[in-house]
């Protein structure tokens, strides 16, 4: 916690803390739980500074320098909708890397409803505010993902569960019984066949098409799933992501299956974390709050 942003260029053998320009201090003094890398321009990185500067920052040079793209200073008018401008989770549109969404870790101020989402079509230079449903509680972490196109999103929070929109937030449909924990970095993946798998509070949820009525819980895949990635053939998940309530299991299942998940052999750790897969080197990475970052070679 509060360790700043670190970078490796040798598959994790060595790490360097990014302490370049003045804005790096603003980034590093917070908890940087959101970290999104542009899929087309890997030197473009977005991160937040939770319980520090609270805003959203962007780097175009691999983390050597940072630009404030959401705060009271960079967005003087839109930021009035919030008290702290506590940036939470950012999502990058897979089909348009200039299109990004941002949720917050605080409630919106009146006359907006309690939950607001912001959207940018120019990689964070300008934004628009999207009001959430009137009954949503905005006072907690919120996750958001793109589904099968630029207008179809999956939003979730601990209190309100998961909701789907197919029209860029104009209308929302609740997904029955599907919930997330008080997470910041839970993950979602889409298989090559087109099915979705999402990390949920009680386990892994799956849908053949991402529609609200088709999501189902996969039995014995919880609790508190955080990490969820695929190497194109095999999917991997981590559990017990938040709060130290249990010892994590690391699970895997073939993309062609998805119903049967079995445990990987791993060291005993107190909390699970996000997962990352390096396709070029066939390495699977996991972050763990108390045990640091680990990696394993995937056969």
Protein backbone atom coordinates (compact mmCIF):
# COMPACT_ATOMS: atom_id res chain seq x y z
CA UNK A 1 0.00 0.00 0.00
CA UNK A 2 1.16 3.54 -0.82
CA UNK A 3 4.23 2.10 -2.58
CA UNK A 4 3.80 4.05 -5.83
CA UNK A 5 4.07 2.82 -9.41
CA UNK A 6 6.85 0.38 -10.34
CA UNK A 7 7.97 -0.87 -13.75
CA UNK A 8 9.85 -3.90 -15.04
CA UNK A 9 11.36 -4.48 -18.49
CA UNK A 10 12.74 -7.97 -17.82
CA UNK A 11 9.64 -10.02 -16.96
CA UNK A 12 9.72 -9.04 -13.28
CA UNK A 13 13.34 -9.89 -12.46
CA UNK A 14 14.06 -6.24 -11.60
CA UNK A 15 11.73 -3.36 -10.74
CA UNK A 16 12.20 0.41 -10.82
CA UNK A 17 10.00 2.90 -9.00
CA UNK A 18 8.77 5.59 -11.39
CA UNK A 19 9.80 8.89 -9.83
CA UNK A 20 10.26 11.11 -12.90
CA UNK A 21 8.52 14.48 -13.10
CA UNK A 22 6.70 16.53 -10.46
CA UNK A 23 3.39 14.80 -11.12
CA UNK A 24 4.98 11.47 -10.23
CA UNK A 25 4.89 12.61 -6.59
CA UNK A 26 1.14 13.18 -6.87
CA UNK A 27 0.70 9.69 -8.35
CA UNK A 28 2.97 7.88 -5.90
CA UNK A 29 1.58 9.34 -2.69
CA UNK A 30 -1.71 7.49 -3.17
CA UNK A 31 -2.88 3.90 -3.61
CA UNK A 32 -2.65 3.17 -7.34
CA UNK A 33 -5.15 0.33 -7.61
CA UNK A 34 -6.25 1.26 -11.13
CA UNK A 35 -3.64 0.65 -13.80
CA UNK A 36 -4.79 0.46 -17.43
CA UNK A 37 -2.38 0.08 -20.35
CA UNK A 38 -3.50 1.20 -23.81
CA UNK A 39 -3.73 -2.00 -25.92
CA UNK A 40 -2.55 -0.18 -29.06
CA UNK A 41 -0.01 2.21 -27.54
CA UNK A 42 1.64 0.41 -24.59
CA UNK A 43 3.52 3.53 -23.48
CA UNK A 44 0.14 5.09 -22.66
CA UNK A 45 -0.83 4.21 -19.09
CA UNK A 46 -3.62 5.43 -16.80
CA UNK A 47 -3.64 5.23 -13.01
CA UNK A 48 -5.32 6.77 -9.98
CA UNK A 49 -3.98 8.01 -6.64
CA UNK A 50 -6.46 6.75 -4.07
CA UNK A 51 -6.32 8.36 -0.63
CA UNK A 52 -3.56 10.59 -1.99
CA UNK A 53 -4.16 13.05 -4.79
CA UNK A 54 -7.39 11.16 -5.58
CA UNK A 55 -7.37 12.10 -9.27
CA UNK A 56 -6.71 10.22 -12.52
CA UNK A 57 -3.34 10.47 -14.23
CA UNK A 58 -2.07 9.54 -17.69
CA UNK A 59 1.42 8.83 -18.98
CA UNK A 60 2.37 8.73 -22.67
CA UNK A 61 6.00 7.72 -22.12
CA UNK A 62 5.73 4.51 -20.12
CA UNK A 63 5.46 6.19 -16.73
CA UNK A 64 8.40 8.60 -16.87
CA UNK A 65 6.02 11.56 -16.73
CA UNK A 66 2.35 11.98 -15.85
CA UNK A 67 -0.47 14.37 -16.72
CA UNK A 68 -3.41 15.07 -14.45
CA UNK A 69 -6.51 14.35 -16.58
CA UNK A 70 -9.20 14.30 -13.87
CA UNK A 71 -9.13 16.53 -10.80
CA UNK A 72 -10.47 19.84 -9.62
CA UNK A 73 -7.60 21.53 -11.45
CA UNK A 74 -7.74 19.73 -14.81
CA UNK A 75 -11.56 19.56 -15.01
CA UNK A 76 -12.69 22.69 -13.15
CA UNK A 77 -16.34 22.55 -14.24
CA UNK A 78 -17.14 18.84 -14.37
CA UNK A 79 -15.28 18.18 -11.13
CA UNK A 80 -17.88 20.23 -9.26
CA UNK A 81 -20.09 17.14 -9.41
CA UNK A 82 -17.81 15.55 -6.77
CA UNK A 83 -16.36 16.51 -3.41
CA UNK A 84 -12.97 14.80 -3.66
CA UNK A 85 -12.83 13.66 -7.32
CA UNK A 86 -11.78 10.26 -6.05
CA UNK A 87 -11.03 8.37 -9.29
CA UNK A 88 -11.66 4.65 -8.93
CA UNK A 89 -11.61 2.32 -11.97
CA UNK A 90 -10.87 3.09 -15.63
CA UNK A 91 -11.85 0.93 -18.61
CA UNK A 92 -10.45 1.27 -22.14
CA UNK A 93 -12.70 0.37 -25.07
CA UNK A 94 -11.11 -2.64 -26.88
CA UNK A 95 -12.41 -1.34 -30.23
CA UNK A 96 -11.41 2.33 -29.73
CA UNK A 97 -8.47 3.05 -27.45
CA UNK A 98 -9.39 6.75 -27.26
CA UNK A 99 -12.70 5.81 -25.66
CA UNK A 100 -12.42 5.41 -21.86
CA UNK A 101 -14.78 5.18 -18.88
CA UNK A 102 -14.08 6.18 -15.29
CA UNK A 103 -15.93 5.37 -12.07
CA UNK A 104 -15.50 7.01 -8.67
CA UNK A 105 -15.03 6.01 -5.04
CA UNK A 106 -17.43 8.61 -3.71
CA UNK A 107 -20.95 9.87 -4.23
CA UNK A 108 -21.87 12.50 -6.79
CA UNK A 109 -23.22 15.76 -5.47
CA UNK A 110 -26.72 17.10 -6.10
CA UNK A 111 -28.39 17.73 -8.49
CA UNK A 112 -26.76 14.55 -9.87
CA UNK A 113 -27.82 11.20 -8.41
CA UNK A 114 -25.45 9.48 -5.97
CA UNK A 115 -23.61 7.56 -8.70
CA UNK A 116 -21.94 9.18 -11.69
CA UNK A 117 -19.75 7.70 -14.42
CA UNK A 118 -17.65 9.81 -16.77
CA UNK A 119 -16.79 9.06 -20.39
CA UNK A 120 -14.11 10.38 -22.74
CA UNK A 121 -13.75 9.92 -26.50
CA UNK A 122 -10.35 11.59 -26.73
CA UNK A 123 -8.24 9.56 -24.28
CA UNK A 124 -9.06 11.71 -21.26
CA UNK A 125 -8.71 15.22 -22.63
CA UNK A 126 -12.43 15.98 -22.36
CA UNK A 127 -15.23 14.17 -20.55
CA UNK A 128 -18.99 13.94 -20.15
CA UNK A 129 -20.88 12.92 -17.00
CA UNK A 130 -23.36 10.04 -17.15
CA UNK A 131 -25.87 9.78 -14.31
CA UNK A 132 -26.40 6.34 -12.80
CA UNK A 133 -29.71 4.93 -11.65
CA UNK A 134 -31.38 7.01 -8.91
CA UNK A 135 -31.34 4.12 -6.41
CA UNK A 136 -27.61 3.38 -6.72
CA UNK A 137 -25.40 4.11 -3.72
CA UNK A 138 -22.33 6.05 -4.86
CA UNK A 139 -20.37 5.82 -1.61
CA UNK A 140 -18.22 2.80 -2.49
CA UNK A 141 -15.90 1.41 -5.14
CA UNK A 142 -17.48 0.73 -8.50
CA UNK A 143 -16.20 -1.46 -11.34
CA UNK A 144 -16.99 -1.04 -15.03
CA UNK A 145 -16.20 -3.08 -18.13
CA UNK A 146 -16.86 -2.94 -21.85
CA UNK A 147 -18.75 -5.95 -23.18
CA UNK A 148 -19.30 -6.65 -26.89
CA UNK A 149 -19.29 -3.11 -28.32
CA UNK A 150 -18.56 0.51 -27.42
CA UNK A 151 -22.06 1.15 -26.07
CA UNK A 152 -22.48 -2.04 -24.05
CA UNK A 153 -21.04 -1.91 -20.53
CA UNK A 154 -21.16 -3.88 -17.31
CA UNK A 155 -21.20 -1.80 -14.10
CA UNK A 156 -21.14 -3.15 -10.56
CA UNK A 157 -20.84 -2.22 -6.89
CA UNK A 158 -21.04 -4.06 -3.59
CA UNK A 159 -24.41 -2.64 -2.57
CA UNK A 160 -26.16 -2.53 -5.93
CA UNK A 161 -24.83 -5.60 -7.73
CA UNK A 162 -24.15 -5.74 -11.47
CA UNK A 163 -26.07 -3.86 -14.15
CA UNK A 164 -25.83 -3.89 -17.95
CA UNK A 165 -26.38 -1.07 -20.43
CA UNK A 166 -26.55 -1.39 -24.20
CA UNK A 167 -26.95 2.32 -24.90
CA UNK A 168 -23.99 4.01 -23.20
CA UNK A 169 -25.70 4.42 -19.84
CA UNK A 170 -29.02 5.84 -21.02
CA UNK A 171 -30.82 2.80 -19.57
CA UNK A 172 -29.68 -0.03 -17.29
CA UNK A 173 -30.86 -3.57 -16.57
CA UNK A 174 -30.04 -5.38 -13.34
CA UNK A 175 -28.42 -8.82 -13.50
CA UNK A 176 -30.26 -11.00 -10.95
CA UNK A 177 -28.17 -12.09 -7.93
CA UNK A 178 -24.83 -11.13 -9.52
CA UNK A 179 -22.73 -9.13 -7.09
CA UNK A 180 -19.20 -7.86 -6.56
CA UNK A 181 -17.32 -7.28 -3.32
CA UNK A 182 -15.74 -4.01 -2.21
CA UNK A 183 -13.10 -4.47 -4.90
CA UNK A 184 -11.27 -2.01 -7.10
CA UNK A 185 -9.57 -4.26 -9.61
CA UNK A 186 -11.72 -7.29 -10.39
CA UNK A 187 -11.40 -8.57 -13.95
CA UNK A 188 -13.48 -9.81 -16.87
CA UNK A 189 -12.54 -11.81 -19.95
CA UNK A 190 -14.08 -12.87 -23.23
CA UNK A 191 -13.17 -16.21 -24.73
CA UNK A 192 -12.33 -16.77 -28.37
CA UNK A 193 -15.78 -18.34 -28.78
CA UNK A 194 -17.38 -15.13 -27.49
CA UNK A 195 -18.50 -16.14 -24.00
CA UNK A 196 -17.91 -13.82 -21.04
CA UNK A 197 -16.48 -14.67 -17.62
CA UNK A 198 -16.56 -12.08 -14.82
CA UNK A 199 -15.16 -12.00 -11.28
CA UNK A 200 -17.92 -11.82 -8.68
CA UNK A 201 -18.24 -11.77 -4.91
CA UNK A 202 -19.48 -15.35 -4.69
CA UNK A 203 -17.54 -16.81 -7.59
CA UNK A 204 -17.06 -16.66 -11.35
CA UNK A 205 -20.07 -15.64 -13.41
CA UNK A 206 -20.44 -16.53 -17.07
CA UNK A 207 -22.67 -15.55 -19.99
CA UNK A 208 -22.70 -16.73 -23.61
CA UNK A 209 -23.58 -13.25 -24.88
CA UNK A 210 -23.29 -10.71 -22.02
CA UNK A 211 -27.04 -10.06 -21.84
CA UNK A 212 -28.48 -9.39 -18.41
CA UNK A 213 -30.72 -12.45 -18.31
CA UNK A 214 -28.06 -15.00 -19.34
CA UNK A 215 -25.42 -14.59 -16.60
CA UNK A 216 -25.01 -17.60 -14.30
CA UNK A 217 -22.78 -18.41 -11.34
CA UNK A 218 -20.24 -21.20 -11.86
CA UNK A 219 -20.40 -23.52 -8.86
CA UNK A 220 -17.47 -23.78 -6.41
CA UNK A 221 -15.41 -20.91 -7.85
CA UNK A 222 -15.47 -18.43 -4.97
CA UNK A 223 -15.31 -16.61 -2.78
CA UNK A 224 -14.33 -13.05 -3.73
CA UNK A 225 -12.87 -13.59 -7.18
CA UNK A 226 -10.50 -10.83 -8.32
CA UNK A 227 -8.16 -12.04 -11.05
CA UNK A 228 -9.47 -13.54 -14.28
CA UNK A 229 -7.33 -13.92 -17.43
CA UNK A 230 -6.78 -16.33 -20.32
CA UNK A 231 -3.85 -17.42 -22.46
CA UNK A 232 -6.22 -18.16 -25.33
CA UNK A 233 -6.78 -21.78 -24.40
CA UNK A 234 -6.74 -21.90 -20.59
CA UNK A 235 -8.43 -19.49 -18.19
CA UNK A 236 -7.03 -18.60 -14.77
CA UNK A 237 -8.76 -17.08 -11.72
CA UNK A 238 -7.76 -15.98 -8.21
CA UNK A 239 -10.02 -15.93 -5.16
CA UNK A 240 -10.08 -14.32 -1.70
CA UNK A 241 -9.02 -11.02 -3.18
CA UNK A 242 -10.21 -8.69 -0.43
CA UNK A 243 -9.97 -8.37 3.32
CA UNK A 244 -7.98 -11.46 4.37
CA UNK A 245 -11.17 -13.48 4.98
CA UNK A 246 -9.75 -16.70 3.53
CA UNK A 247 -6.69 -18.25 1.92
CA UNK A 248 -6.80 -17.81 -1.85
CA UNK A 249 -7.13 -20.55 -4.41
CA UNK A 250 -5.81 -20.17 -7.92
CA UNK A 251 -8.12 -21.90 -10.37
CA UNK A 252 -7.94 -22.87 -14.02
CA UNK A 253 -10.33 -24.15 -16.68
CA UNK A 254 -10.18 -24.69 -20.40
CA UNK A 255 -11.87 -21.98 -22.47
CA UNK A 256 -13.88 -24.75 -24.14
CA UNK A 257 -15.21 -25.82 -20.74
CA UNK A 258 -15.63 -23.00 -18.19
CA UNK A 259 -17.88 -25.07 -15.93
CA UNK A 260 -15.20 -27.10 -14.17
CA UNK A 261 -12.41 -25.20 -12.43
CA UNK A 262 -9.58 -26.95 -10.59
CA UNK A 263 -6.96 -25.57 -8.22
CA UNK A 264 -3.39 -24.84 -9.24
CA UNK A 265 -0.55 -25.72 -6.89
CA UNK A 266 0.67 -22.45 -5.34
CA UNK A 267 2.33 -21.05 -2.21
CA UNK A 268 0.00 -20.25 0.67
CA UNK A 269 -0.89 -16.56 0.63
CA UNK A 270 -3.20 -14.46 2.76
CA UNK A 271 -4.96 -12.60 -0.05
CA UNK A 272 -5.37 -13.16 -3.75
CA UNK A 273 -5.07 -10.38 -6.31
CA UNK A 274 -5.23 -9.43 -9.94
CA UNK A 275 -3.78 -11.68 -12.61
CA UNK A 276 -1.80 -10.79 -15.71
CA UNK A 277 -0.74 -13.00 -18.60
CA UNK A 278 2.34 -12.31 -20.73
CA UNK A 279 1.60 -14.09 -24.00
CA UNK A 280 5.06 -13.51 -25.48
CA UNK A 281 6.86 -15.23 -22.58
CA UNK A 282 4.05 -17.53 -21.37
CA UNK A 283 4.16 -16.08 -17.87
CA UNK A 284 1.23 -15.78 -15.47
CA UNK A 285 1.54 -13.05 -12.82
CA UNK A 286 -0.43 -12.53 -9.62
CA UNK A 287 -0.45 -9.60 -7.20
CA UNK A 288 -0.99 -10.33 -3.52
CA UNK A 289 -1.44 -7.67 -0.87
CA UNK A 290 0.80 -9.28 1.75
CA UNK A 291 2.98 -11.51 -0.43
CA UNK A 292 3.99 -9.25 -3.30
CA UNK A 293 4.01 -10.20 -6.99
CA UNK A 294 4.50 -13.80 -8.09
CA UNK A 295 4.86 -15.41 -11.50
CA UNK A 296 4.69 -18.90 -12.95
CA UNK A 297 5.64 -20.29 -16.36
CA UNK A 298 2.54 -21.58 -18.14
CA UNK A 299 3.17 -24.79 -20.09
